[in-house]
């Protein structure tokens, strides 16, 4: 890894990219990253790290001011860094006390995994883009090992704007049954969003999560 990092970072500095981000819980790996210019974003020996040509937190604030309309489009491989390595490490998202990814969706905890399932033909994946071009969230509807599941992740400043993201993703699912959306019982914001987007409550697991489904198409 140490040998590979040097040309990787050289390529980064020669490119138009603004930053590289990674994360590690291994002190040896973190120190190897530091030797080529990476720094921990939130301090400490390990955790999210970045090497950047801009100030990470200034870029974060510029990217997600909130209260903006979102454009929905199909997800691409190029969205992986923006979601899993920038959005996920943004100040509002990192350590955000949210009870999402429950039920079946707990096994699909990032964009990378969801996109791999999409590439396998298991369902659609969409992203929500701000007017300035930053990806503020994503949603997927998948047949996951024989179960239908819908889930989404958004920057907290854009959760209320995510109704179209949910509706479009559910509508694009081609399976015989509408995908199920699992929401933790304490996540009141996501419950409200599901109802606003036209989903109906179909089941509840007491003390754990509720299950929603879009009204039948047609």
C-alpha atoms as a PDB file:
ATOM      1  CA  UNK A   1       0.000   0.000   0.000  1.00  0.00           C
ATOM      2  CA  UNK A   2       2.806   2.408   0.869  1.00  0.00           C
ATOM      3  CA  UNK A   3       4.350   1.848  -2.565  1.00  0.00           C
ATOM      4  CA  UNK A   4       1.031   2.434  -4.316  1.00  0.00           C
ATOM      5  CA  UNK A   5       0.124   5.571  -2.377  1.00  0.00           C
ATOM      6  CA  UNK A   6       2.916   7.729  -3.820  1.00  0.00           C
ATOM      7  CA  UNK A   7       1.888   7.466  -7.510  1.00  0.00           C
ATOM      8  CA  UNK A   8      -1.768   7.633  -6.474  1.00  0.00           C
ATOM      9  CA  UNK A   9      -1.231  10.960  -4.729  1.00  0.00           C
ATOM     10  CA  UNK A  10       0.922  12.233  -7.593  1.00  0.00           C
ATOM     11  CA  UNK A  11      -1.931  11.474  -9.979  1.00  0.00           C
ATOM     12  CA  UNK A  12      -4.329  13.284  -7.661  1.00  0.00           C
ATOM     13  CA  UNK A  13      -2.235  16.455  -7.593  1.00  0.00           C
ATOM     14  CA  UNK A  14      -1.916  16.363 -11.384  1.00  0.00           C
ATOM     15  CA  UNK A  15      -5.681  16.013 -11.830  1.00  0.00           C
ATOM     16  CA  UNK A  16      -8.587  18.393 -11.479  1.00  0.00           C
ATOM     17  CA  UNK A  17      -9.929  16.527  -8.453  1.00  0.00           C
ATOM     18  CA  UNK A  18     -10.476  18.560  -5.283  1.00  0.00           C
ATOM     19  CA  UNK A  19      -9.890  15.846  -2.691  1.00  0.00           C
ATOM     20  CA  UNK A  20      -9.378  12.190  -1.901  1.00  0.00           C
ATOM     21  CA  UNK A  21     -11.034  10.702   1.157  1.00  0.00           C
ATOM     22  CA  UNK A  22     -10.731   7.366   2.892  1.00  0.00           C
ATOM     23  CA  UNK A  23     -11.284   5.891   6.322  1.00  0.00           C
ATOM     24  CA  UNK A  24      -9.405   3.403   8.439  1.00  0.00           C
ATOM     25  CA  UNK A  25      -9.493   2.074  11.967  1.00  0.00           C
ATOM     26  CA  UNK A  26      -5.940   0.764  11.650  1.00  0.00           C
ATOM     27  CA  UNK A  27      -3.194   2.982  13.124  1.00  0.00           C
ATOM     28  CA  UNK A  28      -0.493   1.572  10.826  1.00  0.00           C
ATOM     29  CA  UNK A  29      -2.601   2.264   7.730  1.00  0.00           C
ATOM     30  CA  UNK A  30      -3.470   5.764   8.968  1.00  0.00           C
ATOM     31  CA  UNK A  31       0.212   6.577   9.489  1.00  0.00           C
ATOM     32  CA  UNK A  32       0.960   5.363   5.953  1.00  0.00           C
ATOM     33  CA  UNK A  33      -1.681   7.745   4.628  1.00  0.00           C
ATOM     34  CA  UNK A  34      -0.224  10.605   6.685  1.00  0.00           C
ATOM     35  CA  UNK A  35       3.206  10.117   5.122  1.00  0.00           C
ATOM     36  CA  UNK A  36       1.803  11.147   1.733  1.00  0.00           C
ATOM     37  CA  UNK A  37      -0.288  14.056   3.022  1.00  0.00           C
ATOM     38  CA  UNK A  38      -3.577  12.671   4.331  1.00  0.00           C
ATOM     39  CA  UNK A  39      -5.004  14.088   7.572  1.00  0.00           C
ATOM     40  CA  UNK A  40      -7.807  12.862   9.808  1.00  0.00           C
ATOM     41  CA  UNK A  41     -10.848  15.029   9.173  1.00  0.00           C
ATOM     42  CA  UNK A  42     -12.154  15.000  12.743  1.00  0.00           C
ATOM     43  CA  UNK A  43      -8.889  14.493  14.603  1.00  0.00           C
ATOM     44  CA  UNK A  44      -7.612  11.422  16.384  1.00  0.00           C
ATOM     45  CA  UNK A  45      -5.303   8.684  15.176  1.00  0.00           C
ATOM     46  CA  UNK A  46      -7.791   6.941  12.878  1.00  0.00           C
ATOM     47  CA  UNK A  47     -11.121   7.563  11.189  1.00  0.00           C
ATOM     48  CA  UNK A  48     -12.088   9.484   8.033  1.00  0.00           C
ATOM     49  CA  UNK A  49      -9.045  11.001   6.321  1.00  0.00           C
ATOM     50  CA  UNK A  50      -8.538  13.362   3.415  1.00  0.00           C
ATOM     51  CA  UNK A  51      -5.884  14.880   1.218  1.00  0.00           C
ATOM     52  CA  UNK A  52      -7.359  17.991  -0.318  1.00  0.00           C
ATOM     53  CA  UNK A  53      -6.674  21.095  -2.402  1.00  0.00           C
ATOM     54  CA  UNK A  54      -9.537  22.933  -0.686  1.00  0.00           C
ATOM     55  CA  UNK A  55     -10.675  23.254   2.924  1.00  0.00           C
ATOM     56  CA  UNK A  56     -12.865  20.213   3.607  1.00  0.00           C
ATOM     57  CA  UNK A  57     -15.328  22.023   5.863  1.00  0.00           C
ATOM     58  CA  UNK A  58     -15.641  25.036   3.565  1.00  0.00           C
ATOM     59  CA  UNK A  59     -16.398  22.670   0.676  1.00  0.00           C
ATOM     60  CA  UNK A  60     -18.890  20.841   2.897  1.00  0.00           C
ATOM     61  CA  UNK A  61     -20.723  24.066   3.795  1.00  0.00           C
ATOM     62  CA  UNK A  62     -20.777  25.184   0.163  1.00  0.00           C
ATOM     63  CA  UNK A  63     -22.045  21.820  -1.038  1.00  0.00           C
ATOM     64  CA  UNK A  64     -25.057  21.434   1.267  1.00  0.00           C
ATOM     65  CA  UNK A  65     -26.641  24.786   2.241  1.00  0.00           C
ATOM     66  CA  UNK A  66     -30.094  23.156   2.358  1.00  0.00           C
ATOM     67  CA  UNK A  67     -33.529  24.370   1.219  1.00  0.00           C
ATOM     68  CA  UNK A  68     -32.733  23.773  -2.448  1.00  0.00           C
ATOM     69  CA  UNK A  69     -34.643  21.835  -5.111  1.00  0.00           C
ATOM     70  CA  UNK A  70     -33.141  18.480  -6.013  1.00  0.00           C
ATOM     71  CA  UNK A  71     -32.789  16.914  -9.449  1.00  0.00           C
ATOM     72  CA  UNK A  72     -33.289  13.149  -9.585  1.00  0.00           C
ATOM     73  CA  UNK A  73     -31.281  11.060 -12.041  1.00  0.00           C
ATOM     74  CA  UNK A  74     -30.027   7.460 -12.320  1.00  0.00           C
ATOM     75  CA  UNK A  75     -26.970   6.674 -10.209  1.00  0.00           C
ATOM     76  CA  UNK A  76     -23.615   6.084 -11.925  1.00  0.00           C
ATOM     77  CA  UNK A  77     -20.299   4.511 -10.838  1.00  0.00           C
ATOM     78  CA  UNK A  78     -18.862   8.008 -10.543  1.00  0.00           C
ATOM     79  CA  UNK A  79     -21.304   8.880  -7.759  1.00  0.00           C
ATOM     80  CA  UNK A  80     -19.642   6.442  -5.358  1.00  0.00           C
ATOM     81  CA  UNK A  81     -16.952   8.846  -4.116  1.00  0.00           C
ATOM     82  CA  UNK A  82     -19.399  11.752  -3.773  1.00  0.00           C
ATOM     83  CA  UNK A  83     -21.736   9.650  -1.627  1.00  0.00           C
ATOM     84  CA  UNK A  84     -19.603   7.158   0.283  1.00  0.00           C
ATOM     85  CA  UNK A  85     -16.529   9.375   0.800  1.00  0.00           C
ATOM     86  CA  UNK A  86     -17.727  13.003   0.792  1.00  0.00           C
ATOM     87  CA  UNK A  87     -21.414  13.043   1.728  1.00  0.00           C
ATOM     88  CA  UNK A  88     -20.859  10.316   4.347  1.00  0.00           C
ATOM     89  CA  UNK A  89     -17.995  12.282   5.944  1.00  0.00           C
ATOM     90  CA  UNK A  90     -19.719  15.672   5.825  1.00  0.00           C
ATOM     91  CA  UNK A  91     -20.154  17.350   9.192  1.00  0.00           C
ATOM     92  CA  UNK A  92     -23.918  16.856   9.319  1.00  0.00           C
ATOM     93  CA  UNK A  93     -23.776  13.209   8.227  1.00  0.00           C
ATOM     94  CA  UNK A  94     -20.763  11.861  10.094  1.00  0.00           C
ATOM     95  CA  UNK A  95     -22.008  10.463  13.382  1.00  0.00           C
ATOM     96  CA  UNK A  96     -25.506  11.796  12.691  1.00  0.00           C
ATOM     97  CA  UNK A  97     -27.820  10.088  15.222  1.00  0.00           C
ATOM     98  CA  UNK A  98     -30.213   8.612  12.705  1.00  0.00           C
ATOM     99  CA  UNK A  99     -31.949   5.246  13.006  1.00  0.00           C
ATOM    100  CA  UNK A 100     -31.962   4.360   9.306  1.00  0.00           C
ATOM    101  CA  UNK A 101     -30.864   1.158   7.602  1.00  0.00           C
ATOM    102  CA  UNK A 102     -33.017  -1.284   9.556  1.00  0.00           C
ATOM    103  CA  UNK A 103     -34.590  -4.558   8.546  1.00  0.00           C
ATOM    104  CA  UNK A 104     -33.319  -5.967   5.251  1.00  0.00           C
ATOM    105  CA  UNK A 105     -31.761  -2.606   4.360  1.00  0.00           C
ATOM    106  CA  UNK A 106     -29.263  -2.965   7.207  1.00  0.00           C
ATOM    107  CA  UNK A 107     -27.270  -5.251   4.880  1.00  0.00           C
ATOM    108  CA  UNK A 108     -27.011  -2.536   2.197  1.00  0.00           C
ATOM    109  CA  UNK A 109     -25.273   0.172   4.177  1.00  0.00           C
ATOM    110  CA  UNK A 110     -23.630   2.247   1.424  1.00  0.00           C
ATOM    111  CA  UNK A 111     -23.945   3.299  -2.203  1.00  0.00           C
ATOM    112  CA  UNK A 112     -21.266   0.863  -3.380  1.00  0.00           C
ATOM    113  CA  UNK A 113     -23.208  -2.205  -2.273  1.00  0.00           C
ATOM    114  CA  UNK A 114     -26.502  -0.873  -3.621  1.00  0.00           C
ATOM    115  CA  UNK A 115     -24.941  -0.049  -6.992  1.00  0.00           C
ATOM    116  CA  UNK A 116     -23.431  -3.521  -7.291  1.00  0.00           C
ATOM    117  CA  UNK A 117     -26.924  -4.969  -6.799  1.00  0.00           C
ATOM    118  CA  UNK A 118     -28.218  -2.572  -9.458  1.00  0.00           C
ATOM    119  CA  UNK A 119     -25.506  -3.734 -11.880  1.00  0.00           C
ATOM    120  CA  UNK A 120     -26.656  -7.297 -11.261  1.00  0.00           C
ATOM    121  CA  UNK A 121     -30.108  -6.337 -12.555  1.00  0.00           C
ATOM    122  CA  UNK A 122     -31.829  -6.359  -9.184  1.00  0.00           C
ATOM    123  CA  UNK A 123     -33.457  -2.936  -9.394  1.00  0.00           C
ATOM    124  CA  UNK A 124     -33.032   0.831  -9.891  1.00  0.00           C
ATOM    125  CA  UNK A 125     -30.806   3.257  -8.013  1.00  0.00           C
ATOM    126  CA  UNK A 126     -31.221   7.043  -8.203  1.00  0.00           C
ATOM    127  CA  UNK A 127     -29.362  10.025  -6.829  1.00  0.00           C
ATOM    128  CA  UNK A 128     -30.564  13.461  -5.759  1.00  0.00           C
ATOM    129  CA  UNK A 129     -28.392  16.328  -7.019  1.00  0.00           C
ATOM    130  CA  UNK A 130     -28.294  19.926  -5.790  1.00  0.00           C
ATOM    131  CA  UNK A 131     -28.364  22.899  -8.215  1.00  0.00           C
ATOM    132  CA  UNK A 132     -24.580  23.230  -7.831  1.00  0.00           C
ATOM    133  CA  UNK A 133     -24.041  19.567  -8.771  1.00  0.00           C
ATOM    134  CA  UNK A 134     -23.365  17.941  -5.402  1.00  0.00           C
ATOM    135  CA  UNK A 135     -25.036  14.614  -4.629  1.00  0.00           C
ATOM    136  CA  UNK A 136     -27.187  15.079  -1.525  1.00  0.00           C
ATOM    137  CA  UNK A 137     -28.569  11.558  -1.331  1.00  0.00           C
ATOM    138  CA  UNK A 138     -29.583   8.353  -3.058  1.00  0.00           C
ATOM    139  CA  UNK A 139     -32.313   5.722  -3.037  1.00  0.00           C
ATOM    140  CA  UNK A 140     -32.585   2.181  -4.316  1.00  0.00           C
ATOM    141  CA  UNK A 141     -35.326  -0.403  -4.853  1.00  0.00           C
ATOM    142  CA  UNK A 142     -33.941  -3.925  -5.057  1.00  0.00           C
ATOM    143  CA  UNK A 143     -34.777  -7.575  -5.084  1.00  0.00           C
ATOM    144  CA  UNK A 144     -32.285  -8.571  -2.412  1.00  0.00           C
ATOM    145  CA  UNK A 145     -31.966 -12.342  -1.966  1.00  0.00           C
ATOM    146  CA  UNK A 146     -35.635 -12.821  -2.769  1.00  0.00           C
ATOM    147  CA  UNK A 147     -36.899  -9.910  -0.662  1.00  0.00           C
ATOM    148  CA  UNK A 148     -37.999  -6.533  -2.022  1.00  0.00           C
ATOM    149  CA  UNK A 149     -36.481  -3.556  -0.258  1.00  0.00           C
ATOM    150  CA  UNK A 150     -36.467   0.210  -0.726  1.00  0.00           C
ATOM    151  CA  UNK A 151     -34.232   2.542   1.246  1.00  0.00           C
ATOM    152  CA  UNK A 152     -32.651   5.973   0.974  1.00  0.00           C
ATOM    153  CA  UNK A 153     -29.937   8.140   2.457  1.00  0.00           C
ATOM    154  CA  UNK A 154     -29.992  11.937   2.326  1.00  0.00           C
ATOM    155  CA  UNK A 155     -28.115  14.804   3.891  1.00  0.00           C
ATOM    156  CA  UNK A 156     -30.284  15.929   6.847  1.00  0.00           C
ATOM    157  CA  UNK A 157     -30.717  19.393   5.291  1.00  0.00           C
ATOM    158  CA  UNK A 158     -32.426  17.747   2.314  1.00  0.00           C
ATOM    159  CA  UNK A 159     -34.541  14.989   3.855  1.00  0.00           C
ATOM    160  CA  UNK A 160     -37.757  16.962   3.402  1.00  0.00           C
ATOM    161  CA  UNK A 161     -36.876  17.394  -0.289  1.00  0.00           C
ATOM    162  CA  UNK A 162     -36.578  13.643  -0.858  1.00  0.00           C
ATOM    163  CA  UNK A 163     -40.218  12.776  -1.616  1.00  0.00           C
ATOM    164  CA  UNK A 164     -39.658  12.704  -5.384  1.00  0.00           C
ATOM    165  CA  UNK A 165     -36.537  10.578  -4.919  1.00  0.00           C
ATOM    166  CA  UNK A 166     -38.580   7.962  -3.058  1.00  0.00           C
ATOM    167  CA  UNK A 167     -41.581   8.073  -5.387  1.00  0.00           C
ATOM    168  CA  UNK A 168     -39.525   7.792  -8.566  1.00  0.00           C
ATOM    169  CA  UNK A 169     -37.339   4.976  -7.276  1.00  0.00           C
ATOM    170  CA  UNK A 170     -40.326   2.928  -6.112  1.00  0.00           C
ATOM    171  CA  UNK A 171     -42.132   3.529  -9.419  1.00  0.00           C
ATOM    172  CA  UNK A 172     -39.125   2.319 -11.437  1.00  0.00           C
ATOM    173  CA  UNK A 173     -38.956  -1.037  -9.698  1.00  0.00           C
ATOM    174  CA  UNK A 174     -40.052  -3.701 -12.201  1.00  0.00           C
ATOM    175  CA  UNK A 175     -40.763  -6.600  -9.839  1.00  0.00           C
ATOM    176  CA  UNK A 176     -44.200  -8.092  -9.281  1.00  0.00           C
ATOM    177  CA  UNK A 177     -44.429  -6.631  -5.766  1.00  0.00           C
ATOM    178  CA  UNK A 178     -43.797  -3.096  -4.588  1.00  0.00           C
ATOM    179  CA  UNK A 179     -40.555  -2.840  -2.554  1.00  0.00           C
ATOM    180  CA  UNK A 180     -40.845  -2.440   1.204  1.00  0.00           C
ATOM    181  CA  UNK A 181     -39.436   0.535   3.085  1.00  0.00           C
ATOM    182  CA  UNK A 182     -38.288  -0.242   6.647  1.00  0.00           C
ATOM    183  CA  UNK A 183     -38.159   2.682   9.105  1.00  0.00           C
ATOM    184  CA  UNK A 184     -37.039   2.578  12.733  1.00  0.00           C
ATOM    185  CA  UNK A 185     -39.854   3.328  15.171  1.00  0.00           C
ATOM    186  CA  UNK A 186     -38.032   6.393  16.552  1.00  0.00           C
ATOM    187  CA  UNK A 187     -37.192   7.964  13.170  1.00  0.00           C
ATOM    188  CA  UNK A 188     -40.161  10.347  13.050  1.00  0.00           C
ATOM    189  CA  UNK A 189     -38.718  12.393  10.180  1.00  0.00           C
ATOM    190  CA  UNK A 190     -38.552   9.396   7.860  1.00  0.00           C
ATOM    191  CA  UNK A 191     -42.030   8.225   8.873  1.00  0.00           C
ATOM    192  CA  UNK A 192     -43.414  11.646   7.911  1.00  0.00           C
ATOM    193  CA  UNK A 193     -41.518  11.609   4.632  1.00  0.00           C
ATOM    194  CA  UNK A 194     -42.851   8.151   3.689  1.00  0.00           C
ATOM    195  CA  UNK A 195     -46.448   9.273   4.244  1.00  0.00           C
ATOM    196  CA  UNK A 196     -45.837  12.509   2.338  1.00  0.00           C
ATOM    197  CA  UNK A 197     -44.452  10.513  -0.596  1.00  0.00           C
ATOM    198  CA  UNK A 198     -47.610   8.393  -0.767  1.00  0.00           C
ATOM    199  CA  UNK A 199     -46.494   5.256   1.054  1.00  0.00           C
ATOM    200  CA  UNK A 200     -48.872   3.278   3.261  1.00  0.00           C
ATOM    201  CA  UNK A 201     -48.063   1.553   6.529  1.00  0.00           C
ATOM    202  CA  UNK A 202     -48.429  -2.216   6.021  1.00  0.00           C
ATOM    203  CA  UNK A 203     -46.833  -3.751   9.137  1.00  0.00           C
ATOM    204  CA  UNK A 204     -45.074  -2.916  12.389  1.00  0.00           C
ATOM    205  CA  UNK A 205     -42.525  -4.835  14.420  1.00  0.00           C
ATOM    206  CA  UNK A 206     -43.153  -3.439  17.930  1.00  0.00           C
ATOM    207  CA  UNK A 207     -40.203  -1.585  19.369  1.00  0.00           C
ATOM    208  CA  UNK A 208     -38.115  -2.026  16.195  1.00  0.00           C
ATOM    209  CA  UNK A 209     -39.430  -0.742  12.879  1.00  0.00           C
ATOM    210  CA  UNK A 210     -42.450  -0.089  10.698  1.00  0.00           C
ATOM    211  CA  UNK A 211     -42.826  -1.255   7.094  1.00  0.00           C
ATOM    212  CA  UNK A 212     -44.234   0.923   4.321  1.00  0.00           C
ATOM    213  CA  UNK A 213     -45.152   0.245   0.720  1.00  0.00           C
ATOM    214  CA  UNK A 214     -46.100   2.524  -2.167  1.00  0.00           C
ATOM    215  CA  UNK A 215     -49.718   2.246  -3.264  1.00  0.00           C
ATOM    216  CA  UNK A 216     -50.133  -0.285  -6.081  1.00  0.00           C
ATOM    217  CA  UNK A 217     -49.281   1.172  -9.484  1.00  0.00           C
ATOM    218  CA  UNK A 218     -52.159   1.707 -11.871  1.00  0.00           C
END
